[in-house]
């Protein structure tokens, strides 16, 4: 099983096989993990399509699977994985983050409280919010 974190998503992909250097996912797993659809023209979301580069297609595509980590690297997007490849974070580059921050609004996200109820930051617009985080590592 692999866990992928991207924007406001945290997806567990039970059929995906861990690899420390590549993130081989099928079309459904890519859509679940990122919200992007893998179509013949490339990775698409809304009106934007990012083609799989023909010169790298042999290295990035194996049958019905795409190396999403390789595609992310090709696009110049930041990513990180634990040493065994079971957990991946697909980031957004600084220029895109800068554009989002120019509005002075924090990006929307959802997190569970201690009872498991989900809360979205956008539900609290106009009010002051204190967010405390903790990690065991």
N, C-alpha and C. Protein backbone atom coordinates (compact mmCIF):
# COMPACT_ATOMS: atom_id res chain seq x y z
N UNK A 1 0.84 -1.18 0.00
CA UNK A 1 0.00 0.00 0.00
C UNK A 1 0.89 1.24 0.00
N UNK A 2 0.42 2.27 -0.69
CA UNK A 2 1.12 3.55 -0.77
C UNK A 2 0.16 4.65 -0.32
N UNK A 3 0.71 5.62 0.39
CA UNK A 3 -0.04 6.81 0.77
C UNK A 3 0.52 7.99 -0.02
N UNK A 4 -0.38 8.77 -0.65
CA UNK A 4 0.03 9.94 -1.42
C UNK A 4 -0.68 11.16 -0.85
N UNK A 5 0.10 12.19 -0.54
CA UNK A 5 -0.44 13.46 -0.07
C UNK A 5 -0.22 14.48 -1.18
N UNK A 6 -1.31 15.12 -1.59
CA UNK A 6 -1.23 16.15 -2.63
C UNK A 6 -2.31 17.18 -2.35
N UNK A 7 -1.91 18.44 -2.22
CA UNK A 7 -2.81 19.54 -1.91
C UNK A 7 -3.65 19.17 -0.70
N UNK A 8 -4.97 19.11 -0.82
CA UNK A 8 -5.80 18.81 0.36
C UNK A 8 -6.22 17.34 0.41
N UNK A 9 -5.52 16.49 -0.33
CA UNK A 9 -5.86 15.06 -0.39
C UNK A 9 -4.81 14.22 0.33
N UNK A 10 -5.27 13.18 0.97
CA UNK A 10 -4.40 12.14 1.51
C UNK A 10 -5.03 10.83 1.08
N UNK A 11 -4.42 10.16 0.11
CA UNK A 11 -5.01 8.97 -0.50
C UNK A 11 -4.20 7.73 -0.16
N UNK A 12 -4.90 6.70 0.26
CA UNK A 12 -4.28 5.41 0.48
C UNK A 12 -4.61 4.53 -0.72
N UNK A 13 -3.57 3.99 -1.35
CA UNK A 13 -3.72 3.21 -2.58
C UNK A 13 -3.29 1.78 -2.29
N UNK A 14 -4.22 0.91 -1.91
CA UNK A 14 -3.86 -0.43 -1.45
C UNK A 14 -3.22 -1.31 -2.53
N UNK A 15 -3.53 -1.11 -3.80
CA UNK A 15 -2.98 -1.97 -4.86
C UNK A 15 -1.62 -1.50 -5.36
N UNK A 16 -1.22 -0.27 -5.01
CA UNK A 16 0.05 0.27 -5.50
C UNK A 16 1.22 -0.39 -4.76
N UNK A 17 2.29 -0.63 -5.50
CA UNK A 17 3.46 -1.31 -4.95
C UNK A 17 4.54 -0.28 -4.64
N UNK A 18 5.06 -0.26 -3.40
CA UNK A 18 6.09 0.72 -3.05
C UNK A 18 7.37 0.55 -3.86
N UNK A 19 7.96 1.67 -4.22
CA UNK A 19 9.24 1.72 -4.94
C UNK A 19 9.91 3.01 -4.45
N UNK A 20 11.15 2.96 -4.01
CA UNK A 20 11.77 4.16 -3.45
C UNK A 20 12.05 5.27 -4.46
N UNK A 21 12.01 4.98 -5.77
CA UNK A 21 12.37 5.98 -6.77
C UNK A 21 11.24 6.34 -7.72
N UNK A 22 10.21 5.50 -7.83
CA UNK A 22 9.14 5.70 -8.80
C UNK A 22 7.79 5.53 -8.12
N UNK A 23 6.79 6.17 -8.69
CA UNK A 23 5.43 6.08 -8.17
C UNK A 23 4.53 5.62 -9.32
N UNK A 24 4.50 4.29 -9.55
CA UNK A 24 3.75 3.71 -10.67
C UNK A 24 2.29 3.56 -10.27
N UNK A 25 1.41 4.37 -10.92
CA UNK A 25 -0.02 4.35 -10.62
C UNK A 25 -0.82 4.19 -11.91
N UNK A 26 -2.01 3.57 -11.77
CA UNK A 26 -2.90 3.48 -12.92
C UNK A 26 -3.78 4.73 -12.97
N UNK A 27 -4.62 4.81 -13.98
CA UNK A 27 -5.44 6.00 -14.20
C UNK A 27 -6.33 6.34 -13.00
N UNK A 28 -6.98 5.32 -12.44
CA UNK A 28 -7.87 5.55 -11.31
C UNK A 28 -7.10 6.03 -10.08
N UNK A 29 -5.92 5.45 -9.85
CA UNK A 29 -5.11 5.85 -8.69
C UNK A 29 -4.60 7.28 -8.84
N UNK A 30 -4.21 7.66 -10.06
CA UNK A 30 -3.75 9.03 -10.31
C UNK A 30 -4.88 10.01 -10.02
N UNK A 31 -6.07 9.72 -10.52
CA UNK A 31 -7.22 10.60 -10.28
C UNK A 31 -7.54 10.69 -8.79
N UNK A 32 -7.50 9.56 -8.10
CA UNK A 32 -7.80 9.55 -6.67
C UNK A 32 -6.77 10.36 -5.89
N UNK A 33 -5.49 10.21 -6.23
CA UNK A 33 -4.42 10.84 -5.47
C UNK A 33 -4.25 12.32 -5.78
N UNK A 34 -4.54 12.74 -7.01
CA UNK A 34 -4.21 14.11 -7.41
C UNK A 34 -5.39 14.93 -7.92
N UNK A 35 -6.46 14.28 -8.37
CA UNK A 35 -7.54 15.01 -9.02
C UNK A 35 -7.27 15.24 -10.50
N UNK A 36 -6.12 14.81 -11.00
CA UNK A 36 -5.77 14.92 -12.41
C UNK A 36 -6.18 13.62 -13.10
N UNK A 37 -6.62 13.72 -14.34
CA UNK A 37 -6.98 12.55 -15.14
C UNK A 37 -5.86 12.28 -16.14
N UNK A 38 -5.46 11.02 -16.25
CA UNK A 38 -4.46 10.63 -17.24
C UNK A 38 -5.21 10.23 -18.50
N UNK A 39 -5.11 11.08 -19.52
CA UNK A 39 -5.78 10.87 -20.79
C UNK A 39 -4.73 10.69 -21.88
N UNK A 40 -5.15 10.34 -23.10
CA UNK A 40 -4.16 10.20 -24.18
C UNK A 40 -3.33 11.47 -24.40
N UNK A 41 -3.91 12.63 -24.13
CA UNK A 41 -3.17 13.87 -24.33
C UNK A 41 -2.27 14.24 -23.15
N UNK A 42 -2.34 13.50 -22.05
CA UNK A 42 -1.47 13.74 -20.89
C UNK A 42 -2.26 13.80 -19.60
N UNK A 43 -1.68 14.43 -18.59
CA UNK A 43 -2.37 14.65 -17.32
C UNK A 43 -3.23 15.89 -17.46
N UNK A 44 -4.54 15.74 -17.21
CA UNK A 44 -5.46 16.84 -17.45
C UNK A 44 -6.29 17.13 -16.20
N UNK A 45 -6.51 18.43 -15.98
CA UNK A 45 -7.39 18.90 -14.91
C UNK A 45 -8.07 20.15 -15.42
N UNK A 46 -9.39 20.13 -15.45
CA UNK A 46 -10.17 21.23 -16.02
C UNK A 46 -9.72 21.46 -17.46
N UNK A 47 -9.30 22.68 -17.80
CA UNK A 47 -8.90 23.00 -19.17
C UNK A 47 -7.40 22.84 -19.42
N UNK A 48 -6.67 22.36 -18.42
CA UNK A 48 -5.22 22.24 -18.53
C UNK A 48 -4.82 20.79 -18.76
N UNK A 49 -3.97 20.55 -19.77
CA UNK A 49 -3.41 19.22 -20.02
C UNK A 49 -1.89 19.35 -20.12
N UNK A 50 -1.19 18.50 -19.38
CA UNK A 50 0.27 18.46 -19.41
C UNK A 50 0.68 17.18 -20.11
N UNK A 51 1.20 17.27 -21.34
CA UNK A 51 1.52 16.05 -22.09
C UNK A 51 2.69 15.28 -21.49
N UNK A 52 2.62 13.96 -21.62
CA UNK A 52 3.76 13.12 -21.28
C UNK A 52 4.78 13.35 -22.40
N UNK A 53 6.00 13.77 -22.06
CA UNK A 53 6.97 14.08 -23.13
C UNK A 53 7.30 12.86 -23.95
N UNK A 54 7.19 12.93 -25.28
CA UNK A 54 7.47 11.77 -26.13
C UNK A 54 8.86 11.18 -25.90
N UNK A 55 9.85 12.03 -25.66
CA UNK A 55 11.21 11.54 -25.46
C UNK A 55 11.35 10.75 -24.15
N UNK A 56 10.44 10.98 -23.21
CA UNK A 56 10.51 10.29 -21.92
C UNK A 56 9.39 9.28 -21.74
N UNK A 57 8.53 9.13 -22.74
CA UNK A 57 7.36 8.26 -22.61
C UNK A 57 7.74 6.83 -22.27
N UNK A 58 8.82 6.33 -22.86
CA UNK A 58 9.24 4.95 -22.60
C UNK A 58 9.63 4.75 -21.14
N UNK A 59 10.23 5.78 -20.53
CA UNK A 59 10.65 5.69 -19.13
C UNK A 59 9.49 5.97 -18.17
N UNK A 60 8.48 6.72 -18.62
CA UNK A 60 7.39 7.14 -17.73
C UNK A 60 6.14 6.27 -17.81
N UNK A 61 5.98 5.51 -18.89
CA UNK A 61 4.76 4.72 -19.08
C UNK A 61 5.13 3.25 -19.23
N UNK A 62 4.43 2.42 -18.45
CA UNK A 62 4.56 0.96 -18.56
C UNK A 62 3.16 0.39 -18.63
N UNK A 63 2.72 0.07 -19.82
CA UNK A 63 1.37 -0.47 -20.00
C UNK A 63 0.32 0.52 -19.53
N UNK A 64 -0.44 0.14 -18.50
CA UNK A 64 -1.51 1.00 -18.00
C UNK A 64 -1.09 1.79 -16.77
N UNK A 65 0.22 1.95 -16.55
CA UNK A 65 0.73 2.67 -15.38
C UNK A 65 1.66 3.81 -15.81
N UNK A 66 1.60 4.90 -15.06
CA UNK A 66 2.44 6.06 -15.28
C UNK A 66 3.29 6.27 -14.04
N UNK A 67 4.58 6.57 -14.22
CA UNK A 67 5.44 6.92 -13.09
C UNK A 67 5.14 8.38 -12.74
N UNK A 68 4.23 8.57 -11.79
CA UNK A 68 3.81 9.91 -11.43
C UNK A 68 4.96 10.70 -10.81
N UNK A 69 5.85 10.04 -10.08
CA UNK A 69 7.02 10.74 -9.52
C UNK A 69 7.92 11.24 -10.66
N UNK A 70 8.14 10.42 -11.67
CA UNK A 70 8.94 10.84 -12.82
C UNK A 70 8.31 12.01 -13.56
N UNK A 71 6.99 11.96 -13.72
CA UNK A 71 6.28 13.06 -14.38
C UNK A 71 6.37 14.32 -13.54
N UNK A 72 6.25 14.18 -12.22
CA UNK A 72 6.34 15.33 -11.31
C UNK A 72 7.72 15.97 -11.42
N UNK A 73 8.76 15.13 -11.46
CA UNK A 73 10.12 15.65 -11.62
C UNK A 73 10.28 16.37 -12.96
N UNK A 74 9.74 15.77 -14.02
CA UNK A 74 9.81 16.38 -15.35
C UNK A 74 9.16 17.76 -15.35
N UNK A 75 8.07 17.91 -14.61
CA UNK A 75 7.35 19.19 -14.55
C UNK A 75 8.02 20.20 -13.63
N UNK A 76 9.07 19.76 -12.91
CA UNK A 76 9.77 20.67 -12.00
C UNK A 76 9.04 20.90 -10.70
N UNK A 77 8.15 20.00 -10.36
CA UNK A 77 7.39 20.13 -9.12
C UNK A 77 8.12 19.41 -7.99
N UNK A 78 8.05 19.94 -6.77
CA UNK A 78 8.72 19.28 -5.65
C UNK A 78 7.98 18.01 -5.23
N UNK A 79 8.74 17.01 -4.79
CA UNK A 79 8.15 15.80 -4.25
C UNK A 79 9.10 15.19 -3.25
N UNK A 80 8.55 14.39 -2.36
CA UNK A 80 9.35 13.71 -1.35
C UNK A 80 8.73 12.36 -1.07
N UNK A 81 9.58 11.41 -0.71
CA UNK A 81 9.11 10.07 -0.35
C UNK A 81 9.96 9.55 0.79
N UNK A 82 9.38 8.66 1.58
CA UNK A 82 10.18 8.01 2.61
C UNK A 82 11.12 7.02 1.92
N UNK A 83 12.15 6.51 2.60
CA UNK A 83 13.14 5.64 1.95
C UNK A 83 12.56 4.39 1.28
N UNK A 84 11.47 3.83 1.79
CA UNK A 84 10.90 2.63 1.19
C UNK A 84 9.89 2.91 0.09
N UNK A 85 9.51 4.17 -0.11
CA UNK A 85 8.55 4.53 -1.14
C UNK A 85 7.10 4.23 -0.79
N UNK A 86 6.80 4.06 0.50
CA UNK A 86 5.40 3.80 0.89
C UNK A 86 4.60 5.09 1.06
N UNK A 87 5.27 6.21 1.29
CA UNK A 87 4.61 7.49 1.53
C UNK A 87 5.22 8.55 0.63
N UNK A 88 4.36 9.23 -0.13
CA UNK A 88 4.79 10.26 -1.08
C UNK A 88 4.06 11.56 -0.82
N UNK A 89 4.76 12.67 -1.00
CA UNK A 89 4.15 14.00 -0.97
C UNK A 89 4.45 14.65 -2.30
N UNK A 90 3.40 15.02 -3.02
CA UNK A 90 3.52 15.71 -4.31
C UNK A 90 3.24 17.19 -4.06
N UNK A 91 4.27 18.01 -4.16
CA UNK A 91 4.13 19.42 -3.83
C UNK A 91 3.80 20.30 -5.01
N UNK A 92 3.72 21.58 -4.71
CA UNK A 92 3.47 22.61 -5.71
C UNK A 92 4.64 23.57 -5.66
N UNK A 93 5.15 24.00 -6.83
CA UNK A 93 6.35 24.84 -6.83
C UNK A 93 6.09 26.21 -6.21
N UNK A 94 7.18 26.89 -5.89
CA UNK A 94 7.11 28.15 -5.17
C UNK A 94 6.35 29.23 -5.95
N UNK A 95 6.49 29.27 -7.27
CA UNK A 95 5.80 30.29 -8.06
C UNK A 95 4.29 30.12 -7.96
N UNK A 96 3.81 28.88 -8.04
CA UNK A 96 2.37 28.65 -7.91
C UNK A 96 1.88 28.98 -6.51
N UNK A 97 2.66 28.60 -5.50
CA UNK A 97 2.30 28.93 -4.12
C UNK A 97 2.28 30.44 -3.92
N UNK A 98 3.26 31.13 -4.53
CA UNK A 98 3.31 32.59 -4.41
C UNK A 98 2.09 33.26 -4.99
N UNK A 99 1.60 32.75 -6.13
CA UNK A 99 0.38 33.30 -6.73
C UNK A 99 -0.80 33.09 -5.80
N UNK A 100 -0.89 31.92 -5.19
CA UNK A 100 -2.00 31.63 -4.28
C UNK A 100 -1.92 32.51 -3.04
N UNK A 101 -0.70 32.78 -2.56
CA UNK A 101 -0.55 33.58 -1.35
C UNK A 101 -0.72 35.07 -1.59
N UNK A 102 -0.65 35.51 -2.84
CA UNK A 102 -0.79 36.93 -3.16
C UNK A 102 -2.14 37.47 -2.71
N UNK A 103 -3.14 36.60 -2.62
CA UNK A 103 -4.47 37.05 -2.20
C UNK A 103 -4.57 37.25 -0.70
N UNK A 104 -3.56 36.82 0.05
CA UNK A 104 -3.52 36.87 1.51
C UNK A 104 -4.56 35.96 2.15
N UNK A 105 -5.10 35.02 1.40
CA UNK A 105 -5.99 34.01 1.94
C UNK A 105 -5.23 32.70 2.03
N UNK A 106 -5.33 32.05 3.17
CA UNK A 106 -4.68 30.75 3.31
C UNK A 106 -5.36 29.75 2.38
N UNK A 107 -4.60 28.82 1.80
CA UNK A 107 -5.22 27.80 0.96
C UNK A 107 -6.19 26.95 1.79
N UNK A 108 -7.26 26.55 1.17
CA UNK A 108 -8.25 25.75 1.88
C UNK A 108 -7.74 24.33 2.08
N UNK A 109 -8.06 23.74 3.21
CA UNK A 109 -7.73 22.35 3.50
C UNK A 109 -8.72 21.82 4.52
N UNK A 110 -8.74 20.51 4.66
CA UNK A 110 -9.64 19.87 5.63
C UNK A 110 -8.81 18.96 6.52
N UNK A 111 -9.13 18.97 7.81
CA UNK A 111 -8.46 18.12 8.78
C UNK A 111 -9.49 17.57 9.76
N UNK A 112 -9.25 16.37 10.27
CA UNK A 112 -10.17 15.83 11.27
C UNK A 112 -9.83 16.35 12.67
N UNK A 113 -10.86 16.47 13.52
CA UNK A 113 -10.60 16.78 14.91
C UNK A 113 -10.36 15.48 15.67
N UNK A 114 -10.21 15.54 16.97
CA UNK A 114 -9.90 14.34 17.75
C UNK A 114 -11.01 13.29 17.71
N UNK A 115 -12.23 13.72 17.36
CA UNK A 115 -13.36 12.78 17.26
C UNK A 115 -13.56 12.29 15.84
N UNK A 116 -12.70 12.71 14.91
CA UNK A 116 -12.79 12.25 13.53
C UNK A 116 -13.68 13.10 12.64
N UNK A 117 -14.30 14.15 13.16
CA UNK A 117 -15.13 15.04 12.34
C UNK A 117 -14.23 15.94 11.50
N UNK A 118 -14.54 16.06 10.21
CA UNK A 118 -13.73 16.88 9.31
C UNK A 118 -14.12 18.35 9.43
N UNK A 119 -13.12 19.22 9.38
CA UNK A 119 -13.32 20.67 9.42
C UNK A 119 -12.51 21.29 8.30
N UNK A 120 -13.14 22.19 7.53
CA UNK A 120 -12.45 22.89 6.45
C UNK A 120 -12.10 24.30 6.93
N UNK A 121 -10.93 24.77 6.52
CA UNK A 121 -10.54 26.12 6.88
C UNK A 121 -11.54 27.13 6.33
N UNK A 122 -12.05 26.89 5.13
CA UNK A 122 -12.99 27.83 4.51
C UNK A 122 -14.28 27.99 5.33
N UNK A 123 -14.60 27.03 6.18
CA UNK A 123 -15.79 27.15 7.04
C UNK A 123 -15.61 28.24 8.08
N UNK A 124 -14.39 28.71 8.27
CA UNK A 124 -14.09 29.69 9.32
C UNK A 124 -13.63 31.03 8.75
N UNK A 125 -13.86 31.28 7.45
CA UNK A 125 -13.45 32.55 6.83
C UNK A 125 -14.05 33.71 7.61
N UNK A 126 -13.24 34.74 7.81
CA UNK A 126 -13.69 35.93 8.52
C UNK A 126 -13.49 35.84 10.03
N UNK A 127 -13.08 34.68 10.52
CA UNK A 127 -12.84 34.52 11.96
C UNK A 127 -11.38 34.16 12.17
N UNK A 128 -10.85 34.48 13.34
CA UNK A 128 -9.49 34.11 13.66
C UNK A 128 -9.45 32.62 13.96
N UNK A 129 -8.40 31.95 13.45
CA UNK A 129 -8.25 30.51 13.64
C UNK A 129 -6.85 30.25 14.17
N UNK A 130 -6.76 29.46 15.22
CA UNK A 130 -5.47 29.02 15.75
C UNK A 130 -5.34 27.54 15.41
N UNK A 131 -4.28 27.19 14.71
CA UNK A 131 -4.05 25.82 14.29
C UNK A 131 -2.80 25.31 14.97
N UNK A 132 -2.94 24.29 15.80
CA UNK A 132 -1.80 23.67 16.47
C UNK A 132 -1.54 22.32 15.82
N UNK A 133 -0.29 22.04 15.46
CA UNK A 133 0.04 20.78 14.81
C UNK A 133 1.07 20.03 15.64
N UNK A 134 1.14 18.74 15.41
CA UNK A 134 2.09 17.88 16.12
C UNK A 134 2.38 16.68 15.25
N UNK A 135 3.58 16.20 15.30
CA UNK A 135 3.96 14.99 14.57
C UNK A 135 4.82 14.12 15.47
N UNK A 136 4.65 12.82 15.38
CA UNK A 136 5.35 11.91 16.28
C UNK A 136 6.81 11.72 15.93
N UNK A 137 7.21 12.03 14.70
CA UNK A 137 8.59 11.78 14.34
C UNK A 137 9.50 12.86 14.86
